[in-house]
Full PDB file with SEQRES, HELIX, SHEET, SSBOND, CRYST1, ORIGX, SCALE, CONECT and MASTER records, all heavy atoms in Angstrom:
SEQRES   1 A   34  ALA THR ARG THR GLU ILE ASP GLY SER ARG LEU MET ILE          
SEQRES   2 A   34  ASP VAL GLU PHE ASP GLN GLY ASP GLU PHE ALA ARG GLU          
SEQRES   3 A   34  VAL GLU ARG LYS TYR ARG ASP GLY                              
HELIX    1 AA1 GLU A   22  ASP A   33  1                                  12    
SHEET    1 AA1 2 ARG A   3  ASP A   7  0                                        
SHEET    2 AA1 2 ARG A  10  ASP A  14 -1                                        
CRYST1    1.000    1.000    1.000  90.00  90.00  90.00 P 1           1          
ORIGX1      1.000000  0.000000  0.000000        0.00000                         
ORIGX2      0.000000  1.000000  0.000000        0.00000                         
ORIGX3      0.000000  0.000000  1.000000        0.00000                         
SCALE1      1.000000  0.000000  0.000000        0.00000                         
SCALE2      0.000000  1.000000  0.000000        0.00000                         
SCALE3      0.000000  0.000000  1.000000        0.00000                         
ATOM      1  N   ALA A   1      62.985 134.815  83.750  1.00  0.00           N  
ATOM      2  CA  ALA A   1      63.442 134.035  82.607  1.00  0.00           C  
ATOM      3  C   ALA A   1      64.323 132.899  83.097  1.00  0.00           C  
ATOM      4  O   ALA A   1      65.237 133.119  83.891  1.00  0.00           O  
ATOM      5  CB  ALA A   1      64.212 134.927  81.639  1.00  0.00           C  
ATOM      6  N   THR A   2      64.044 131.699  82.612  1.00  0.00           N  
ATOM      7  CA  THR A   2      64.862 130.547  82.983  1.00  0.00           C  
ATOM      8  C   THR A   2      65.822 130.163  81.870  1.00  0.00           C  
ATOM      9  O   THR A   2      66.741 129.386  82.090  1.00  0.00           O  
ATOM     10  CB  THR A   2      63.967 129.339  83.314  1.00  0.00           C  
ATOM     11  OG1 THR A   2      63.157 129.014  82.172  1.00  0.00           O  
ATOM     12  CG2 THR A   2      63.065 129.657  84.501  1.00  0.00           C  
ATOM     13  N   ARG A   3      65.609 130.691  80.676  1.00  0.00           N  
ATOM     14  CA  ARG A   3      66.514 130.437  79.558  1.00  0.00           C  
ATOM     15  C   ARG A   3      66.416 131.598  78.590  1.00  0.00           C  
ATOM     16  O   ARG A   3      65.314 132.033  78.235  1.00  0.00           O  
ATOM     17  CB  ARG A   3      66.147 129.141  78.840  1.00  0.00           C  
ATOM     18  CG  ARG A   3      67.143 128.733  77.760  1.00  0.00           C  
ATOM     19  CD  ARG A   3      66.671 127.459  77.062  1.00  0.00           C  
ATOM     20  NE  ARG A   3      65.553 127.731  76.183  1.00  0.00           N  
ATOM     21  CZ  ARG A   3      65.584 127.585  74.862  1.00  0.00           C  
ATOM     22  NH1 ARG A   3      66.675 127.169  74.264  1.00  0.00           N  
ATOM     23  NH2 ARG A   3      64.516 127.842  74.123  1.00  0.00           N  
ATOM     24  N   THR A   4      67.554 132.107  78.144  1.00  0.00           N  
ATOM     25  CA  THR A   4      67.607 133.212  77.190  1.00  0.00           C  
ATOM     26  C   THR A   4      68.691 132.905  76.177  1.00  0.00           C  
ATOM     27  O   THR A   4      69.856 132.751  76.538  1.00  0.00           O  
ATOM     28  CB  THR A   4      67.937 134.546  77.907  1.00  0.00           C  
ATOM     29  OG1 THR A   4      66.983 134.783  78.942  1.00  0.00           O  
ATOM     30  CG2 THR A   4      67.912 135.701  76.922  1.00  0.00           C  
ATOM     31  N   GLU A   5      68.315 132.822  74.888  1.00  0.00           N  
ATOM     32  CA  GLU A   5      69.310 132.477  73.883  1.00  0.00           C  
ATOM     33  C   GLU A   5      68.899 132.995  72.513  1.00  0.00           C  
ATOM     34  O   GLU A   5      67.729 133.287  72.253  1.00  0.00           O  
ATOM     35  CB  GLU A   5      69.519 130.966  73.821  1.00  0.00           C  
ATOM     36  CG  GLU A   5      68.318 130.184  73.342  1.00  0.00           C  
ATOM     37  CD  GLU A   5      68.598 128.683  73.296  1.00  0.00           C  
ATOM     38  OE1 GLU A   5      69.554 128.244  73.958  1.00  0.00           O  
ATOM     39  OE2 GLU A   5      67.866 127.966  72.590  1.00  0.00           O  
ATOM     40  N   ILE A   6      69.888 133.123  71.648  1.00  0.00           N  
ATOM     41  CA  ILE A   6      69.653 133.514  70.258  1.00  0.00           C  
ATOM     42  C   ILE A   6      69.514 132.242  69.428  1.00  0.00           C  
ATOM     43  O   ILE A   6      70.332 131.332  69.514  1.00  0.00           O  
ATOM     44  CB  ILE A   6      70.816 134.362  69.714  1.00  0.00           C  
ATOM     45  CG1 ILE A   6      70.990 135.638  70.552  1.00  0.00           C  
ATOM     46  CG2 ILE A   6      70.585 134.699  68.243  1.00  0.00           C  
ATOM     47  CD1 ILE A   6      69.808 136.569  70.513  1.00  0.00           C  
ATOM     48  N   ASP A   7      68.465 132.189  68.627  1.00  0.00           N  
ATOM     49  CA  ASP A   7      68.225 131.073  67.717  1.00  0.00           C  
ATOM     50  C   ASP A   7      68.109 131.644  66.307  1.00  0.00           C  
ATOM     51  O   ASP A   7      67.035 132.056  65.881  1.00  0.00           O  
ATOM     52  CB  ASP A   7      66.953 130.331  68.117  1.00  0.00           C  
ATOM     53  CG  ASP A   7      66.614 129.184  67.170  1.00  0.00           C  
ATOM     54  OD1 ASP A   7      67.518 128.722  66.443  1.00  0.00           O  
ATOM     55  OD2 ASP A   7      65.436 128.762  67.145  1.00  0.00           O  
ATOM     56  N   GLY A   8      69.242 131.717  65.615  1.00  0.00           N  
ATOM     57  CA  GLY A   8      69.243 132.304  64.276  1.00  0.00           C  
ATOM     58  C   GLY A   8      68.880 133.769  64.312  1.00  0.00           C  
ATOM     59  O   GLY A   8      69.604 134.594  64.878  1.00  0.00           O  
ATOM     60  N   SER A   9      67.738 134.121  63.740  1.00  0.00           N  
ATOM     61  CA  SER A   9      67.292 135.518  63.694  1.00  0.00           C  
ATOM     62  C   SER A   9      66.289 135.834  64.794  1.00  0.00           C  
ATOM     63  O   SER A   9      65.628 136.862  64.755  1.00  0.00           O  
ATOM     64  CB  SER A   9      66.655 135.821  62.325  1.00  0.00           C  
ATOM     65  OG  SER A   9      65.506 135.007  62.129  1.00  0.00           O  
ATOM     66  N   ARG A  10      66.184 134.963  65.795  1.00  0.00           N  
ATOM     67  CA  ARG A  10      65.196 135.149  66.851  1.00  0.00           C  
ATOM     68  C   ARG A  10      65.844 135.129  68.226  1.00  0.00           C  
ATOM     69  O   ARG A  10      66.802 134.393  68.469  1.00  0.00           O  
ATOM     70  CB  ARG A  10      64.127 134.052  66.792  1.00  0.00           C  
ATOM     71  CG  ARG A  10      63.445 133.915  65.452  1.00  0.00           C  
ATOM     72  CD  ARG A  10      62.348 132.854  65.504  1.00  0.00           C  
ATOM     73  NE  ARG A  10      62.847 131.550  65.933  1.00  0.00           N  
ATOM     74  CZ  ARG A  10      62.057 130.496  66.139  1.00  0.00           C  
ATOM     75  NH1 ARG A  10      60.751 130.603  65.975  1.00  0.00           N  
ATOM     76  NH2 ARG A  10      62.586 129.338  66.526  1.00  0.00           N  
ATOM     77  N   LEU A  11      65.284 135.935  69.130  1.00  0.00           N  
ATOM     78  CA  LEU A  11      65.644 135.898  70.537  1.00  0.00           C  
ATOM     79  C   LEU A  11      64.580 135.076  71.253  1.00  0.00           C  
ATOM     80  O   LEU A  11      63.399 135.422  71.221  1.00  0.00           O  
ATOM     81  CB  LEU A  11      65.702 137.311  71.113  1.00  0.00           C  
ATOM     82  CG  LEU A  11      65.843 137.433  72.639  1.00  0.00           C  
ATOM     83  CD1 LEU A  11      67.165 136.830  73.108  1.00  0.00           C  
ATOM     84  CD2 LEU A  11      65.715 138.894  73.068  1.00  0.00           C  
ATOM     85  N   MET A  12      64.994 133.971  71.890  1.00  0.00           N  
ATOM     86  CA  MET A  12      64.069 133.070  72.559  1.00  0.00           C  
ATOM     87  C   MET A  12      64.239 133.176  74.071  1.00  0.00           C  
ATOM     88  O   MET A  12      65.370 133.136  74.579  1.00  0.00           O  
ATOM     89  CB  MET A  12      64.316 131.627  72.115  1.00  0.00           C  
ATOM     90  CG  MET A  12      64.364 131.426  70.613  1.00  0.00           C  
ATOM     91  SD  MET A  12      62.792 131.783  69.795  1.00  0.00           S  
ATOM     92  CE  MET A  12      61.777 130.447  70.448  1.00  0.00           C  
ATOM     93  N   ILE A  13      63.118 133.303  74.792  1.00  0.00           N  
ATOM     94  CA  ILE A  13      63.166 133.405  76.243  1.00  0.00           C  
ATOM     95  C   ILE A  13      62.084 132.509  76.850  1.00  0.00           C  
ATOM     96  O   ILE A  13      60.914 132.608  76.479  1.00  0.00           O  
ATOM     97  CB  ILE A  13      62.966 134.858  76.720  1.00  0.00           C  
ATOM     98  CG1 ILE A  13      64.089 135.757  76.175  1.00  0.00           C  
ATOM     99  CG2 ILE A  13      62.922 134.925  78.241  1.00  0.00           C  
ATOM    100  CD1 ILE A  13      63.952 137.216  76.568  1.00  0.00           C  
ATOM    101  N   ASP A  14      62.494 131.656  77.789  1.00  0.00           N  
ATOM    102  CA  ASP A  14      61.548 130.847  78.556  1.00  0.00           C  
ATOM    103  C   ASP A  14      61.234 131.568  79.850  1.00  0.00           C  
ATOM    104  O   ASP A  14      62.160 132.043  80.542  1.00  0.00           O  
ATOM    105  CB  ASP A  14      62.135 129.477  78.875  1.00  0.00           C  
ATOM    106  CG  ASP A  14      62.260 128.588  77.645  1.00  0.00           C  
ATOM    107  OD1 ASP A  14      61.844 129.027  76.553  1.00  0.00           O  
ATOM    108  OD2 ASP A  14      62.781 127.467  77.780  1.00  0.00           O  
ATOM    109  N   VAL A  15      59.942 131.635  80.209  1.00  0.00           N  
ATOM    110  CA  VAL A  15      59.519 132.374  81.394  1.00  0.00           C  
ATOM    111  C   VAL A  15      58.793 131.462  82.376  1.00  0.00           C  
ATOM    112  O   VAL A  15      57.885 130.712  81.991  1.00  0.00           O  
ATOM    113  CB  VAL A  15      58.598 133.552  81.009  1.00  0.00           C  
ATOM    114  CG1 VAL A  15      57.986 134.192  82.255  1.00  0.00           C  
ATOM    115  CG2 VAL A  15      59.372 134.593  80.216  1.00  0.00           C  
ATOM    116  N   GLU A  16      59.205 131.555  83.631  1.00  0.00           N  
ATOM    117  CA  GLU A  16      58.536 130.871  84.732  1.00  0.00           C  
ATOM    118  C   GLU A  16      57.773 131.925  85.533  1.00  0.00           C  
ATOM    119  O   GLU A  16      58.355 132.920  85.975  1.00  0.00           O  
ATOM    120  CB  GLU A  16      59.580 130.182  85.608  1.00  0.00           C  
ATOM    121  CG  GLU A  16      59.020 129.502  86.833  1.00  0.00           C  
ATOM    122  CD  GLU A  16      60.127 128.917  87.682  1.00  0.00           C  
ATOM    123  OE1 GLU A  16      60.993 129.698  88.172  1.00  0.00           O  
ATOM    124  OE2 GLU A  16      60.145 127.694  87.855  1.00  0.00           O  
ATOM    125  N   PHE A  17      56.474 131.706  85.728  1.00  0.00           N  
ATOM    126  CA  PHE A  17      55.649 132.668  86.440  1.00  0.00           C  
ATOM    127  C   PHE A  17      55.706 132.424  87.953  1.00  0.00           C  
ATOM    128  O   PHE A  17      55.832 131.286  88.412  1.00  0.00           O  
ATOM    129  CB  PHE A  17      54.201 132.597  85.951  1.00  0.00           C  
ATOM    130  CG  PHE A  17      53.998 133.184  84.587  1.00  0.00           C  
ATOM    131  CD1 PHE A  17      54.327 132.457  83.448  1.00  0.00           C  
ATOM    132  CD2 PHE A  17      53.504 134.471  84.434  1.00  0.00           C  
ATOM    133  CE1 PHE A  17      54.157 133.007  82.185  1.00  0.00           C  
ATOM    134  CE2 PHE A  17      53.335 135.024  83.176  1.00  0.00           C  
ATOM    135  CZ  PHE A  17      53.665 134.287  82.051  1.00  0.00           C  
ATOM    136  N   ASP A  18      55.594 133.520  88.715  1.00  0.00           N  
ATOM    137  CA  ASP A  18      55.636 133.465  90.164  1.00  0.00           C  
ATOM    138  C   ASP A  18      54.313 132.885  90.677  1.00  0.00           C  
ATOM    139  O   ASP A  18      53.279 133.552  90.659  1.00  0.00           O  
ATOM    140  CB  ASP A  18      55.857 134.875  90.716  1.00  0.00           C  
ATOM    141  CG  ASP A  18      55.952 134.904  92.236  1.00  0.00           C  
ATOM    142  OD1 ASP A  18      55.791 133.851  92.874  1.00  0.00           O  
ATOM    143  OD2 ASP A  18      56.177 136.007  92.781  1.00  0.00           O  
ATOM    144  N   GLN A  19      54.344 131.647  91.137  1.00  0.00           N  
ATOM    145  CA  GLN A  19      53.127 130.978  91.582  1.00  0.00           C  
ATOM    146  C   GLN A  19      52.616 131.493  92.921  1.00  0.00           C  
ATOM    147  O   GLN A  19      51.475 131.199  93.301  1.00  0.00           O  
ATOM    148  CB  GLN A  19      53.376 129.466  91.663  1.00  0.00           C  
ATOM    149  CG  GLN A  19      53.719 128.827  90.332  1.00  0.00           C  
ATOM    150  CD  GLN A  19      52.655 129.075  89.274  1.00  0.00           C  
ATOM    151  OE1 GLN A  19      51.479 128.743  89.476  1.00  0.00           O  
ATOM    152  NE2 GLN A  19      53.065 129.664  88.145  1.00  0.00           N  
ATOM    153  N   GLY A  20      53.418 132.294  93.619  1.00  0.00           N  
ATOM    154  CA  GLY A  20      52.966 132.896  94.863  1.00  0.00           C  
ATOM    155  C   GLY A  20      52.288 134.241  94.671  1.00  0.00           C  
ATOM    156  O   GLY A  20      51.863 134.879  95.641  1.00  0.00           O  
ATOM    157  N   ASP A  21      52.168 134.689  93.420  1.00  0.00           N  
ATOM    158  CA  ASP A  21      51.588 135.990  93.081  1.00  0.00           C  
ATOM    159  C   ASP A  21      50.287 135.749  92.314  1.00  0.00           C  
ATOM    160  O   ASP A  21      50.297 135.180  91.216  1.00  0.00           O  
ATOM    161  CB  ASP A  21      52.587 136.763  92.228  1.00  0.00           C  
ATOM    162  CG  ASP A  21      52.133 138.181  91.899  1.00  0.00           C  
ATOM    163  OD1 ASP A  21      50.916 138.391  91.677  1.00  0.00           O  
ATOM    164  OD2 ASP A  21      52.987 139.066  91.834  1.00  0.00           O  
ATOM    165  N   GLU A  22      49.168 136.179  92.882  1.00  0.00           N  
ATOM    166  CA  GLU A  22      47.860 135.934  92.255  1.00  0.00           C  
ATOM    167  C   GLU A  22      47.762 136.561  90.873  1.00  0.00           C  
ATOM    168  O   GLU A  22      47.238 135.954  89.932  1.00  0.00           O  
ATOM    169  CB  GLU A  22      46.748 136.472  93.155  1.00  0.00           C  
ATOM    170  CG  GLU A  22      45.345 136.229  92.608  1.00  0.00           C  
ATOM    171  CD  GLU A  22      44.260 136.748  93.532  1.00  0.00           C  
ATOM    172  OE1 GLU A  22      44.593 137.250  94.630  1.00  0.00           O  
ATOM    173  OE2 GLU A  22      43.073 136.657  93.159  1.00  0.00           O  
ATOM    174  N   PHE A  23      48.262 137.794  90.750  1.00  0.00           N  
ATOM    175  CA  PHE A  23      48.207 138.464  89.446  1.00  0.00           C  
ATOM    176  C   PHE A  23      49.064 137.730  88.428  1.00  0.00           C  
ATOM    177  O   PHE A  23      48.666 137.551  87.273  1.00  0.00           O  
ATOM    178  CB  PHE A  23      48.666 139.913  89.577  1.00  0.00           C  
ATOM    179  CG  PHE A  23      48.680 140.662  88.275  1.00  0.00           C  
ATOM    180  CD1 PHE A  23      47.508 140.927  87.584  1.00  0.00           C  
ATOM    181  CD2 PHE A  23      49.883 141.101  87.728  1.00  0.00           C  
ATOM    182  CE1 PHE A  23      47.524 141.611  86.372  1.00  0.00           C  
ATOM    183  CE2 PHE A  23      49.917 141.784  86.523  1.00  0.00           C  
ATOM    184  CZ  PHE A  23      48.725 142.039  85.846  1.00  0.00           C  
ATOM    185  N   ALA A  24      50.247 137.256  88.847  1.00  0.00           N  
ATOM    186  CA  ALA A  24      51.125 136.512  87.939  1.00  0.00           C  
ATOM    187  C   ALA A  24      50.437 135.244  87.445  1.00  0.00           C  
ATOM    188  O   ALA A  24      50.525 134.891  86.262  1.00  0.00           O  
ATOM    189  CB  ALA A  24      52.431 136.161  88.644  1.00  0.00           C  
ATOM    190  N   ARG A  25      49.746 134.543  88.333  1.00  0.00           N  
ATOM    191  CA  ARG A  25      49.039 133.328  87.935  1.00  0.00           C  
ATOM    192  C   ARG A  25      47.927 133.638  86.946  1.00  0.00           C  
ATOM    193  O   ARG A  25      47.656 132.861  86.016  1.00  0.00           O  
ATOM    194  CB  ARG A  25      48.466 132.614  89.162  1.00  0.00           C  
ATOM    195  CG  ARG A  25      49.519 132.067  90.119  1.00  0.00           C  
ATOM    196  CD  ARG A  25      48.917 131.025  91.063  1.00  0.00           C  
ATOM    197  NE  ARG A  25      47.762 131.529  91.788  1.00  0.00           N  
ATOM    198  CZ  ARG A  25      47.831 132.164  92.962  1.00  0.00           C  
ATOM    199  NH1 ARG A  25      49.011 132.395  93.521  1.00  0.00           N  
ATOM    200  NH2 ARG A  25      46.734 132.576  93.559  1.00  0.00           N  
ATOM    201  N   GLU A  26      47.261 134.796  87.120  1.00  0.00           N  
ATOM    202  CA  GLU A  26      46.190 135.181  86.197  1.00  0.00           C  
ATOM    203  C   GLU A  26      46.744 135.507  84.816  1.00  0.00           C  
ATOM    204  O   GLU A  26      46.179 135.118  83.793  1.00  0.00           O  
ATOM    205  CB  GLU A  26      45.431 136.378  86.761  1.00  0.00           C  
ATOM    206  CG  GLU A  26      44.305 136.894  85.866  1.00  0.00           C  
ATOM    207  CD  GLU A  26      43.147 135.919  85.723  1.00  0.00           C  
ATOM    208  OE1 GLU A  26      43.142 134.874  86.406  1.00  0.00           O  
ATOM    209  OE2 GLU A  26      42.225 136.211  84.931  1.00  0.00           O  
ATOM    210  N   VAL A  27      47.883 136.212  84.770  1.00  0.00           N  
ATOM    211  CA  VAL A  27      48.513 136.517  83.485  1.00  0.00           C  
ATOM    212  C   VAL A  27      48.953 135.223  82.808  1.00  0.00           C  
ATOM    213  O   VAL A  27      48.750 135.028  81.599  1.00  0.00           O  
ATOM    214  CB  VAL A  27      49.708 137.475  83.671  1.00  0.00           C  
ATOM    215  CG1 VAL A  27      50.451 137.669  82.348  1.00  0.00           C  
ATOM    216  CG2 VAL A  27      49.240 138.822  84.212  1.00  0.00           C  
ATOM    217  N   GLU A  28      49.535 134.316  83.571  1.00  0.00           N  
ATOM    218  CA  GLU A  28      49.953 133.031  83.010  1.00  0.00           C  
ATOM    219  C   GLU A  28      48.765 132.285  82.414  1.00  0.00           C  
ATOM    220  O   GLU A  28      48.857 131.721  81.312  1.00  0.00           O  
ATOM    221  CB  GLU A  28      50.601 132.175  84.092  1.00  0.00           C  
ATOM    222  CG  GLU A  28      51.021 130.799  83.595  1.00  0.00           C  
ATOM    223  CD  GLU A  28      51.567 129.914  84.686  1.00  0.00           C  
ATOM    224  OE1 GLU A  28      51.406 130.247  85.880  1.00  0.00           O  
ATOM    225  OE2 GLU A  28      52.155 128.869  84.346  1.00  0.00           O  
ATOM    226  N   ARG A  29      47.640 132.273  83.130  1.00  0.00           N  
ATOM    227  CA  ARG A  29      46.449 131.595  82.611  1.00  0.00           C  
ATOM    228  C   ARG A  29      45.998 132.194  81.292  1.00  0.00           C  
ATOM    229  O   ARG A  29      45.615 131.471  80.358  1.00  0.00           O  
ATOM    230  CB  ARG A  29      45.305 131.679  83.641  1.00  0.00           C  
ATOM    231  CG  ARG A  29      44.036 130.950  83.191  1.00  0.00           C  
ATOM    232  CD  ARG A  29      42.859 131.286  84.071  1.00  0.00           C  
ATOM    233  NE  ARG A  29      42.468 132.686  83.942  1.00  0.00           N  
ATOM    234  CZ  ARG A  29      41.765 133.168  82.918  1.00  0.00           C  
ATOM    235  NH1 ARG A  29      41.402 132.398  81.917  1.00  0.00           N  
ATOM    236  NH2 ARG A  29      41.438 134.449  82.881  1.00  0.00           N  
ATOM    237  N   LYS A  30      46.066 133.511  81.187  1.00  0.00           N  
ATOM    238  CA  LYS A  30      45.635 134.160  79.944  1.00  0.00           C  
ATOM    239  C   LYS A  30      46.544 133.769  78.774  1.00  0.00           C  
ATOM    240  O   LYS A  30      46.083 133.615  77.649  1.00  0.00           O  
ATOM    241  CB  LYS A  30      45.594 135.674  80.127  1.00  0.00           C  
ATOM    242  CG  LYS A  30      44.449 136.145  81.027  1.00  0.00           C  
ATOM    243  CD  LYS A  30      44.390 137.644  81.123  1.00  0.00           C  
ATOM    244  CE  LYS A  30      43.276 138.086  82.065  1.00  0.00           C  
ATOM    245  NZ  LYS A  30      41.941 137.694  81.569  1.00  0.00           N  
ATOM    246  N   TYR A  31      47.837 133.608  79.037  1.00  0.00           N  
ATOM    247  CA  TYR A  31      48.738 133.139  77.978  1.00  0.00           C  
ATOM    248  C   TYR A  31      48.415 131.697  77.596  1.00  0.00           C  
ATOM    249  O   TYR A  31      48.312 131.357  76.418  1.00  0.00           O  
ATOM    250  CB  TYR A  31      50.197 133.235  78.429  1.00  0.00           C  
ATOM    251  CG  TYR A  31      50.814 134.595  78.257  1.00  0.00           C  
ATOM    252  CD1 TYR A  31      51.301 135.307  79.347  1.00  0.00           C  
ATOM    253  CD2 TYR A  31      50.927 135.175  76.989  1.00  0.00           C  
ATOM    254  CE1 TYR A  31      51.880 136.557  79.186  1.00  0.00           C  
ATOM    255  CE2 TYR A  31      51.504 136.421  76.825  1.00  0.00           C  
ATOM    256  CZ  TYR A  31      51.979 137.112  77.926  1.00  0.00           C  
ATOM    257  OH  TYR A  31      52.552 138.349  77.761  1.00  0.00           O  
ATOM    258  N   ARG A  32      48.238 130.845  78.581  1.00  0.00           N  
ATOM    259  CA  ARG A  32      48.008 129.433  78.300  1.00  0.00           C  
ATOM    260  C   ARG A  32      46.663 129.203  77.609  1.00  0.00           C  
ATOM    261  O   ARG A  32      46.530 128.291  76.786  1.00  0.00           O  
ATOM    262  CB  ARG A  32      48.109 128.617  79.586  1.00  0.00           C  
ATOM    263  CG  ARG A  32      49.518 128.596  80.168  1.00  0.00           C  
ATOM    264  CD  ARG A  32      49.641 127.587  81.302  1.00  0.00           C  
ATOM    265  NE  ARG A  32      50.948 127.680  81.934  1.00  0.00           N  
ATOM    266  CZ  ARG A  32      52.054 127.095  81.496  1.00  0.00           C  
ATOM    267  NH1 ARG A  32      52.013 126.367  80.380  1.00  0.00           N  
ATOM    268  NH2 ARG A  32      53.200 127.224  82.143  1.00  0.00           N  
ATOM    269  N   ASP A  33      45.672 130.030  77.957  1.00  0.00           N  
ATOM    270  CA  ASP A  33      44.339 129.858  77.371  1.00  0.00           C  
ATOM    271  C   ASP A  33      44.139 130.668  76.101  1.00  0.00           C  
ATOM    272  O   ASP A  33      43.063 130.628  75.505  1.00  0.00           O  
ATOM    273  CB  ASP A  33      43.265 130.241  78.394  1.00  0.00           C  
ATOM    274  CG  ASP A  33      43.217 129.269  79.573  1.00  0.00           C  
ATOM    275  OD1 ASP A  33      43.844 128.188  79.467  1.00  0.00           O  
ATOM    276  OD2 ASP A  33      42.574 129.586  80.583  1.00  0.00           O  
ATOM    277  N   GLY A  34      45.147 131.443  75.690  1.00  0.00           N  
ATOM    278  CA  GLY A  34      45.056 132.167  74.430  1.00  0.00           C  
ATOM    279  C   GLY A  34      44.431 133.543  74.498  1.00  0.00           C  
ATOM    280  O   GLY A  34      44.148 134.147  73.461  1.00  0.00           O  
TER     281      GLY A  34                                                      
MASTER        0    0    0    1    2    0    0    6  280    1    0    3          
END                                                                             
């Protein structure tokens, strides 16, 4: 997580994926592609 904060009634977290990890890159692609 690169940012973690409360926004009203929501918990917001920004995530940076490990680009040196093949599985991490695959999970990231699945999020980006829906």
